[in-house]
Amino acid sequence: MQLPNHLVSLPLATIGWLIALGSVAWAVRAAPWSALRAEPARLNLVGLAALFLLGMWSLKATLMPGLTLHFLGAATVTLVIGLELTLIAGLAAAIVLPLAFGGGMAITGWHFVLSALLPALITYAITRASQRWMPPNFFIYLFIGVFLSAVLGVIVHGFGTALLVMAMGLYDADIIWNNYLRILPLLAFPEGVINGMIMTALALVIPQWVISFDDHHYIDGR
């Protein structure tokens, strides 16, 4: 989500930045730094994740100012490097995005919340629930933890964006529904498929990169 600064009120921008900085402050405190120090090569994954998110977010279709369609990629990143590091990489990507491709910084906090924080939390919650309550089956991991979480992330992102632009007074509900929300399924399903393809390749070829996947748990002896 990119908007010029003059369209974003100071209180709204402040709320978005407070949520973003607060969640990343928690992520910095909770991140598994000791494990990363023991395996420093994994730090490269955090940088790659930030670049991946930046690339996904920069490939967008602008329907109307403030209403854009773009892939999120947050589900894949969360499954690979974990929730805490995803939030750190996501904020880095959200800050670089307007600097590299134009747009104001006032909306950056909300862009992080909608494109990284909420989808990452959804992916984390669904994956943990499926691991706890469902059989350790590789296809359950793909269809529930990967595909479903990616699709729901897009839907929550879309409705969150709609509520935000309505709160800003940019468009009314009918315009948002007819020009944005009705098109969301065209993005949600491909998001799930793309995330599924990436995670299938990573889980089968280099499972040691994927923090949420244990090949002995999901594949061996099954």
C-alpha atoms as a PDB file:
ATOM      1  CA  MET A   1       0.000   0.000   0.000  1.00  0.00           C
ATOM      2  CA  GLN A   2       1.557   3.260  -1.132  1.00  0.00           C
ATOM      3  CA  LEU A   3       0.084   6.728  -0.700  1.00  0.00           C
ATOM      4  CA  PRO A   4       1.529  10.242  -0.672  1.00  0.00           C
ATOM      5  CA  ASN A   5       2.027  11.640   2.805  1.00  0.00           C
ATOM      6  CA  HIS A   6      -0.598  14.371   2.439  1.00  0.00           C
ATOM      7  CA  LEU A   7      -3.395  11.801   2.176  1.00  0.00           C
ATOM      8  CA  VAL A   8      -2.518  10.194   5.519  1.00  0.00           C
ATOM      9  CA  SER A   9      -3.448  12.036   8.702  1.00  0.00           C
ATOM     10  CA  LEU A  10      -0.851  12.297  11.454  1.00  0.00           C
ATOM     11  CA  PRO A  11      -2.910  10.332  14.038  1.00  0.00           C
ATOM     12  CA  LEU A  12      -3.541   7.482  11.585  1.00  0.00           C
ATOM     13  CA  ALA A  13       0.104   7.361  10.537  1.00  0.00           C
ATOM     14  CA  THR A  14       1.182   7.409  14.180  1.00  0.00           C
ATOM     15  CA  ILE A  15      -1.056   4.475  15.075  1.00  0.00           C
ATOM     16  CA  GLY A  16       0.305   2.417  12.194  1.00  0.00           C
ATOM     17  CA  TRP A  17       3.915   3.158  13.109  1.00  0.00           C
ATOM     18  CA  LEU A  18       3.303   2.415  16.800  1.00  0.00           C
ATOM     19  CA  ILE A  19       1.840  -0.993  15.966  1.00  0.00           C
ATOM     20  CA  ALA A  20       4.685  -1.715  13.550  1.00  0.00           C
ATOM     21  CA  LEU A  21       7.482  -0.637  15.882  1.00  0.00           C
ATOM     22  CA  GLY A  22       5.871  -2.311  18.890  1.00  0.00           C
ATOM     23  CA  SER A  23       5.523  -5.653  17.119  1.00  0.00           C
ATOM     24  CA  VAL A  24       9.074  -5.502  15.774  1.00  0.00           C
ATOM     25  CA  ALA A  25      10.417  -4.551  19.209  1.00  0.00           C
ATOM     26  CA  TRP A  26       8.778  -7.711  20.543  1.00  0.00           C
ATOM     27  CA  ALA A  27      10.214  -9.697  17.620  1.00  0.00           C
ATOM     28  CA  VAL A  28      13.735  -8.428  18.322  1.00  0.00           C
ATOM     29  CA  ARG A  29      13.455  -9.511  21.961  1.00  0.00           C
ATOM     30  CA  ALA A  30      11.890 -12.889  21.153  1.00  0.00           C
ATOM     31  CA  ALA A  31      13.950 -13.842  18.089  1.00  0.00           C
ATOM     32  CA  PRO A  32      16.178 -16.936  18.450  1.00  0.00           C
ATOM     33  CA  TRP A  33      19.457 -15.021  18.350  1.00  0.00           C
ATOM     34  CA  SER A  34      21.390 -17.746  20.163  1.00  0.00           C
ATOM     35  CA  ALA A  35      20.403 -20.279  17.500  1.00  0.00           C
ATOM     36  CA  LEU A  36      21.356 -17.823  14.769  1.00  0.00           C
ATOM     37  CA  ARG A  37      24.750 -17.241  16.356  1.00  0.00           C
ATOM     38  CA  ALA A  38      25.270 -20.990  16.404  1.00  0.00           C
ATOM     39  CA  GLU A  39      24.329 -21.173  12.708  1.00  0.00           C
ATOM     40  CA  PRO A  40      25.228 -17.750  11.238  1.00  0.00           C
ATOM     41  CA  ALA A  41      24.484 -18.866   7.684  1.00  0.00           C
ATOM     42  CA  ARG A  42      20.781 -18.634   8.564  1.00  0.00           C
ATOM     43  CA  LEU A  43      21.170 -14.889   8.972  1.00  0.00           C
ATOM     44  CA  ASN A  44      21.480 -14.752   5.203  1.00  0.00           C
ATOM     45  CA  LEU A  45      17.933 -16.114   5.006  1.00  0.00           C
ATOM     46  CA  VAL A  46      16.637 -13.041   6.844  1.00  0.00           C
ATOM     47  CA  GLY A  47      18.211 -10.755   4.252  1.00  0.00           C
ATOM     48  CA  LEU A  48      16.928 -12.918   1.422  1.00  0.00           C
ATOM     49  CA  ALA A  49      13.472 -12.871   3.003  1.00  0.00           C
ATOM     50  CA  ALA A  50      13.464  -9.067   3.094  1.00  0.00           C
ATOM     51  CA  LEU A  51      14.468  -8.947  -0.577  1.00  0.00           C
ATOM     52  CA  PHE A  52      11.825 -11.542  -1.440  1.00  0.00           C
ATOM     53  CA  LEU A  53       9.094  -9.517   0.280  1.00  0.00           C
ATOM     54  CA  LEU A  54      10.296  -6.320  -1.352  1.00  0.00           C
ATOM     55  CA  GLY A  55      10.132  -7.964  -4.765  1.00  0.00           C
ATOM     56  CA  MET A  56       6.663  -9.413  -4.181  1.00  0.00           C
ATOM     57  CA  TRP A  57       5.266  -6.099  -2.922  1.00  0.00           C
ATOM     58  CA  SER A  58       6.799  -4.057  -5.733  1.00  0.00           C
ATOM     59  CA  LEU A  59       5.034  -6.135  -8.415  1.00  0.00           C
ATOM     60  CA  LYS A  60       1.624  -4.573  -8.031  1.00  0.00           C
ATOM     61  CA  ALA A  61      -1.424  -3.570 -10.009  1.00  0.00           C
ATOM     62  CA  THR A  62      -2.889  -0.241  -8.896  1.00  0.00           C
ATOM     63  CA  LEU A  63      -6.660  -0.289  -9.226  1.00  0.00           C
ATOM     64  CA  MET A  64      -7.173   3.097  -7.553  1.00  0.00           C
ATOM     65  CA  PRO A  65      -4.893   5.206  -5.348  1.00  0.00           C
ATOM     66  CA  GLY A  66      -4.501   3.260  -2.124  1.00  0.00           C
ATOM     67  CA  LEU A  67      -6.059   0.107  -3.563  1.00  0.00           C
ATOM     68  CA  THR A  68      -3.456  -2.168  -5.092  1.00  0.00           C
ATOM     69  CA  LEU A  69      -3.191  -5.871  -5.779  1.00  0.00           C
ATOM     70  CA  HIS A  70       0.124  -7.564  -5.109  1.00  0.00           C
ATOM     71  CA  PHE A  71       1.349 -10.894  -3.850  1.00  0.00           C
ATOM     72  CA  LEU A  72       2.287 -10.950  -0.167  1.00  0.00           C
ATOM     73  CA  GLY A  73       4.774 -13.803   0.257  1.00  0.00           C
ATOM     74  CA  ALA A  74       4.479 -13.498   4.037  1.00  0.00           C
ATOM     75  CA  ALA A  75       3.261 -17.074   4.454  1.00  0.00           C
ATOM     76  CA  THR A  76       6.346 -18.499   2.783  1.00  0.00           C
ATOM     77  CA  VAL A  77       8.710 -16.284   4.758  1.00  0.00           C
ATOM     78  CA  THR A  78       7.005 -17.128   8.065  1.00  0.00           C
ATOM     79  CA  LEU A  79       7.216 -20.849   7.379  1.00  0.00           C
ATOM     80  CA  VAL A  80      10.898 -20.593   6.421  1.00  0.00           C
ATOM     81  CA  ILE A  81      12.403 -18.259   9.051  1.00  0.00           C
ATOM     82  CA  GLY A  82       9.710 -18.054  11.733  1.00  0.00           C
ATOM     83  CA  LEU A  83       7.347 -15.356  12.989  1.00  0.00           C
ATOM     84  CA  GLU A  84       9.834 -13.106  14.777  1.00  0.00           C
ATOM     85  CA  LEU A  85      12.363 -12.875  11.963  1.00  0.00           C
ATOM     86  CA  THR A  86       9.556 -12.397   9.431  1.00  0.00           C
ATOM     87  CA  LEU A  87       8.428  -9.273  11.274  1.00  0.00           C
ATOM     88  CA  ILE A  88      11.973  -7.892  11.251  1.00  0.00           C
ATOM     89  CA  ALA A  89      12.439  -8.648   7.546  1.00  0.00           C
ATOM     90  CA  GLY A  90       8.954  -7.313   6.794  1.00  0.00           C
ATOM     91  CA  LEU A  91       9.563  -3.938   8.403  1.00  0.00           C
ATOM     92  CA  ALA A  92      12.871  -3.608   6.549  1.00  0.00           C
ATOM     93  CA  ALA A  93      11.111  -4.327   3.249  1.00  0.00           C
ATOM     94  CA  ALA A  94       8.246  -1.943   4.082  1.00  0.00           C
ATOM     95  CA  ILE A  95      10.685   0.906   4.765  1.00  0.00           C
ATOM     96  CA  VAL A  96      12.756   0.301   1.634  1.00  0.00           C
ATOM     97  CA  LEU A  97       9.680   0.029  -0.628  1.00  0.00           C
ATOM     98  CA  PRO A  98       8.690   3.734  -0.726  1.00  0.00           C
ATOM     99  CA  LEU A  99      12.331   4.800  -0.786  1.00  0.00           C
ATOM    100  CA  ALA A 100      13.032   2.658  -3.842  1.00  0.00           C
ATOM    101  CA  PHE A 101       9.734   2.877  -5.722  1.00  0.00           C
ATOM    102  CA  GLY A 102       8.140   6.122  -4.570  1.00  0.00           C
ATOM    103  CA  GLY A 103       5.366   6.936  -2.154  1.00  0.00           C
ATOM    104  CA  GLY A 104       5.202   8.454   1.300  1.00  0.00           C
ATOM    105  CA  MET A 105       6.541   7.007   4.525  1.00  0.00           C
ATOM    106  CA  ALA A 106       3.432   7.952   6.522  1.00  0.00           C
ATOM    107  CA  ILE A 107       1.527   4.864   5.392  1.00  0.00           C
ATOM    108  CA  THR A 108       4.510   2.515   5.804  1.00  0.00           C
ATOM    109  CA  GLY A 109       3.489   1.394   9.284  1.00  0.00           C
ATOM    110  CA  TRP A 110       0.088   0.299   8.052  1.00  0.00           C
ATOM    111  CA  HIS A 111       1.616  -1.332   4.979  1.00  0.00           C
ATOM    112  CA  PHE A 112       3.748  -3.452   7.304  1.00  0.00           C
ATOM    113  CA  VAL A 113       0.737  -4.321   9.462  1.00  0.00           C
ATOM    114  CA  LEU A 114      -1.413  -5.374   6.503  1.00  0.00           C
ATOM    115  CA  SER A 115       1.213  -7.045   4.313  1.00  0.00           C
ATOM    116  CA  ALA A 116       3.495  -8.638   6.897  1.00  0.00           C
ATOM    117  CA  LEU A 117       2.201  -8.643  10.473  1.00  0.00           C
ATOM    118  CA  LEU A 118      -1.349  -9.937   9.969  1.00  0.00           C
ATOM    119  CA  PRO A 119      -0.500 -12.556   7.277  1.00  0.00           C
ATOM    120  CA  ALA A 120       2.457 -13.768   9.357  1.00  0.00           C
ATOM    121  CA  LEU A 121       0.299 -14.142  12.474  1.00  0.00           C
ATOM    122  CA  ILE A 122      -2.329 -16.045  10.484  1.00  0.00           C
ATOM    123  CA  THR A 123       0.294 -18.393   9.047  1.00  0.00           C
ATOM    124  CA  TYR A 124       1.886 -18.961  12.442  1.00  0.00           C
ATOM    125  CA  ALA A 125      -1.455 -19.656  14.156  1.00  0.00           C
ATOM    126  CA  ILE A 126      -2.747 -22.016  11.461  1.00  0.00           C
ATOM    127  CA  THR A 127       0.534 -23.918  11.225  1.00  0.00           C
ATOM    128  CA  ARG A 128       0.811 -24.375  14.982  1.00  0.00           C
ATOM    129  CA  ALA A 129      -2.819 -25.481  15.198  1.00  0.00           C
ATOM    130  CA  SER A 130      -2.415 -27.994  12.361  1.00  0.00           C
ATOM    131  CA  GLN A 131       0.762 -29.387  13.923  1.00  0.00           C
ATOM    132  CA  ARG A 132      -0.978 -29.812  17.243  1.00  0.00           C
ATOM    133  CA  TRP A 133      -4.381 -31.092  16.191  1.00  0.00           C
ATOM    134  CA  MET A 134      -3.853 -32.814  12.833  1.00  0.00           C
ATOM    135  CA  PRO A 135      -1.870 -35.878  11.749  1.00  0.00           C
ATOM    136  CA  PRO A 136       1.764 -35.246  10.716  1.00  0.00           C
ATOM    137  CA  ASN A 137       1.020 -35.573   7.031  1.00  0.00           C
ATOM    138  CA  PHE A 138       2.988 -33.748   4.327  1.00  0.00           C
ATOM    139  CA  PHE A 139      -0.156 -32.894   2.362  1.00  0.00           C
ATOM    140  CA  ILE A 140      -1.827 -31.455   5.461  1.00  0.00           C
ATOM    141  CA  TYR A 141       1.231 -29.268   5.912  1.00  0.00           C
ATOM    142  CA  LEU A 142       0.948 -28.055   2.313  1.00  0.00           C
ATOM    143  CA  PHE A 143      -2.794 -27.545   2.075  1.00  0.00           C
ATOM    144  CA  ILE A 144      -3.429 -26.216   5.590  1.00  0.00           C
ATOM    145  CA  GLY A 145      -0.190 -24.643   6.766  1.00  0.00           C
ATOM    146  CA  VAL A 146       0.867 -23.285   3.381  1.00  0.00           C
ATOM    147  CA  PHE A 147      -2.059 -22.924   0.959  1.00  0.00           C
ATOM    148  CA  LEU A 148      -4.868 -22.059   3.383  1.00  0.00           C
ATOM    149  CA  SER A 149      -2.785 -19.650   5.443  1.00  0.00           C
ATOM    150  CA  ALA A 150      -1.616 -17.831   2.299  1.00  0.00           C
ATOM    151  CA  VAL A 151      -5.187 -17.490   0.990  1.00  0.00           C
ATOM    152  CA  LEU A 152      -6.520 -16.235   4.322  1.00  0.00           C
ATOM    153  CA  GLY A 153      -3.615 -13.806   4.553  1.00  0.00           C
ATOM    154  CA  VAL A 154      -4.635 -12.197   1.265  1.00  0.00           C
ATOM    155  CA  ILE A 155      -8.269 -11.968   2.337  1.00  0.00           C
ATOM    156  CA  VAL A 156      -7.416 -10.365   5.685  1.00  0.00           C
ATOM    157  CA  HIS A 157      -4.985  -8.019   3.948  1.00  0.00           C
ATOM    158  CA  GLY A 158      -7.679  -6.999   1.459  1.00  0.00           C
ATOM    159  CA  PHE A 159     -10.399  -6.358   4.005  1.00  0.00           C
ATOM    160  CA  GLY A 160      -7.934  -4.566   6.285  1.00  0.00           C
ATOM    161  CA  THR A 161      -6.921  -2.316   3.399  1.00  0.00           C
ATOM    162  CA  ALA A 162     -10.565  -1.632   2.614  1.00  0.00           C
ATOM    163  CA  LEU A 163     -11.304  -0.629   6.210  1.00  0.00           C
ATOM    164  CA  LEU A 164      -8.233   1.590   6.299  1.00  0.00           C
ATOM    165  CA  VAL A 165      -9.051   3.558   3.144  1.00  0.00           C
ATOM    166  CA  MET A 166     -12.638   3.927   4.342  1.00  0.00           C
ATOM    167  CA  ALA A 167     -11.361   5.274   7.672  1.00  0.00           C
ATOM    168  CA  MET A 168      -9.240   7.743   5.701  1.00  0.00           C
ATOM    169  CA  GLY A 169     -12.332   8.847   3.777  1.00  0.00           C
ATOM    170  CA  LEU A 170     -10.851   8.069   0.368  1.00  0.00           C
ATOM    171  CA  TYR A 171     -13.709   5.909  -0.960  1.00  0.00           C
ATOM    172  CA  ASP A 172     -17.101   4.683   0.148  1.00  0.00           C
ATOM    173  CA  ALA A 173     -18.042   1.047   0.663  1.00  0.00           C
ATOM    174  CA  ASP A 174     -19.689   0.567  -2.753  1.00  0.00           C
ATOM    175  CA  ILE A 175     -16.634   1.758  -4.660  1.00  0.00           C
ATOM    176  CA  ILE A 176     -14.328  -0.449  -2.593  1.00  0.00           C
ATOM    177  CA  TRP A 177     -16.550  -3.489  -3.017  1.00  0.00           C
ATOM    178  CA  ASN A 178     -17.031  -3.124  -6.765  1.00  0.00           C
ATOM    179  CA  ASN A 179     -13.477  -2.120  -7.631  1.00  0.00           C
ATOM    180  CA  TYR A 180     -11.388  -4.012  -5.076  1.00  0.00           C
ATOM    181  CA  LEU A 181     -12.943  -6.603  -2.766  1.00  0.00           C
ATOM    182  CA  ARG A 182     -14.737  -8.482  -5.560  1.00  0.00           C
ATOM    183  CA  ILE A 183     -11.378  -9.007  -7.263  1.00  0.00           C
ATOM    184  CA  LEU A 184      -9.604 -10.419  -4.195  1.00  0.00           C
ATOM    185  CA  PRO A 185     -10.318 -14.090  -5.040  1.00  0.00           C
ATOM    186  CA  LEU A 186      -8.384 -13.589  -8.280  1.00  0.00           C
ATOM    187  CA  LEU A 187      -5.317 -12.899  -6.145  1.00  0.00           C
ATOM    188  CA  ALA A 188      -5.967 -15.141  -3.135  1.00  0.00           C
ATOM    189  CA  PHE A 189      -5.953 -18.446  -5.022  1.00  0.00           C
ATOM    190  CA  PRO A 190      -2.733 -17.733  -6.992  1.00  0.00           C
ATOM    191  CA  GLU A 191      -1.090 -16.594  -3.742  1.00  0.00           C
ATOM    192  CA  GLY A 192      -1.852 -19.969  -2.216  1.00  0.00           C
ATOM    193  CA  VAL A 193      -0.610 -21.823  -5.298  1.00  0.00           C
ATOM    194  CA  ILE A 194       2.639 -19.842  -5.523  1.00  0.00           C
ATOM    195  CA  ASN A 195       3.348 -20.279  -1.824  1.00  0.00           C
ATOM    196  CA  GLY A 196       2.564 -23.976  -2.156  1.00  0.00           C
ATOM    197  CA  MET A 197       4.951 -24.414  -5.061  1.00  0.00           C
ATOM    198  CA  ILE A 198       7.781 -22.588  -3.290  1.00  0.00           C
ATOM    199  CA  MET A 199       7.315 -24.460  -0.030  1.00  0.00           C
ATOM    200  CA  THR A 200       7.063 -27.828  -1.776  1.00  0.00           C
ATOM    201  CA  ALA A 201      10.391 -27.202  -3.482  1.00  0.00           C
ATOM    202  CA  LEU A 202      12.066 -25.985  -0.293  1.00  0.00           C
ATOM    203  CA  ALA A 203      10.684 -28.780   1.878  1.00  0.00           C
ATOM    204  CA  LEU A 204      11.767 -31.501  -0.534  1.00  0.00           C
ATOM    205  CA  VAL A 205      15.115 -30.091  -1.694  1.00  0.00           C
ATOM    206  CA  ILE A 206      16.489 -28.112   1.255  1.00  0.00           C
ATOM    207  CA  PRO A 207      14.271 -28.873   4.290  1.00  0.00           C
ATOM    208  CA  GLN A 208      16.988 -27.615   6.655  1.00  0.00           C
ATOM    209  CA  TRP A 209      16.114 -24.086   5.520  1.00  0.00           C
ATOM    210  CA  VAL A 210      12.480 -24.414   6.599  1.00  0.00           C
ATOM    211  CA  ILE A 211      12.033 -23.869  10.314  1.00  0.00           C
ATOM    212  CA  SER A 212       8.405 -25.064  10.286  1.00  0.00           C
ATOM    213  CA  PHE A 213       9.146 -28.335   8.485  1.00  0.00           C
ATOM    214  CA  ASP A 214      10.705 -31.507   9.864  1.00  0.00           C
ATOM    215  CA  ASP A 215      11.143 -34.093   7.129  1.00  0.00           C
ATOM    216  CA  HIS A 216      11.521 -36.889   9.708  1.00  0.00           C
ATOM    217  CA  HIS A 217       8.199 -35.847  11.233  1.00  0.00           C
ATOM    218  CA  TYR A 218       6.235 -35.398   8.005  1.00  0.00           C
ATOM    219  CA  ILE A 219       7.784 -37.841   5.558  1.00  0.00           C
ATOM    220  CA  ASP A 220       9.976 -40.548   7.076  1.00  0.00           C
ATOM    221  CA  GLY A 221       8.050 -43.746   7.669  1.00  0.00           C
ATOM    222  CA  ARG A 222       4.798 -42.289   6.345  1.00  0.00           C
END
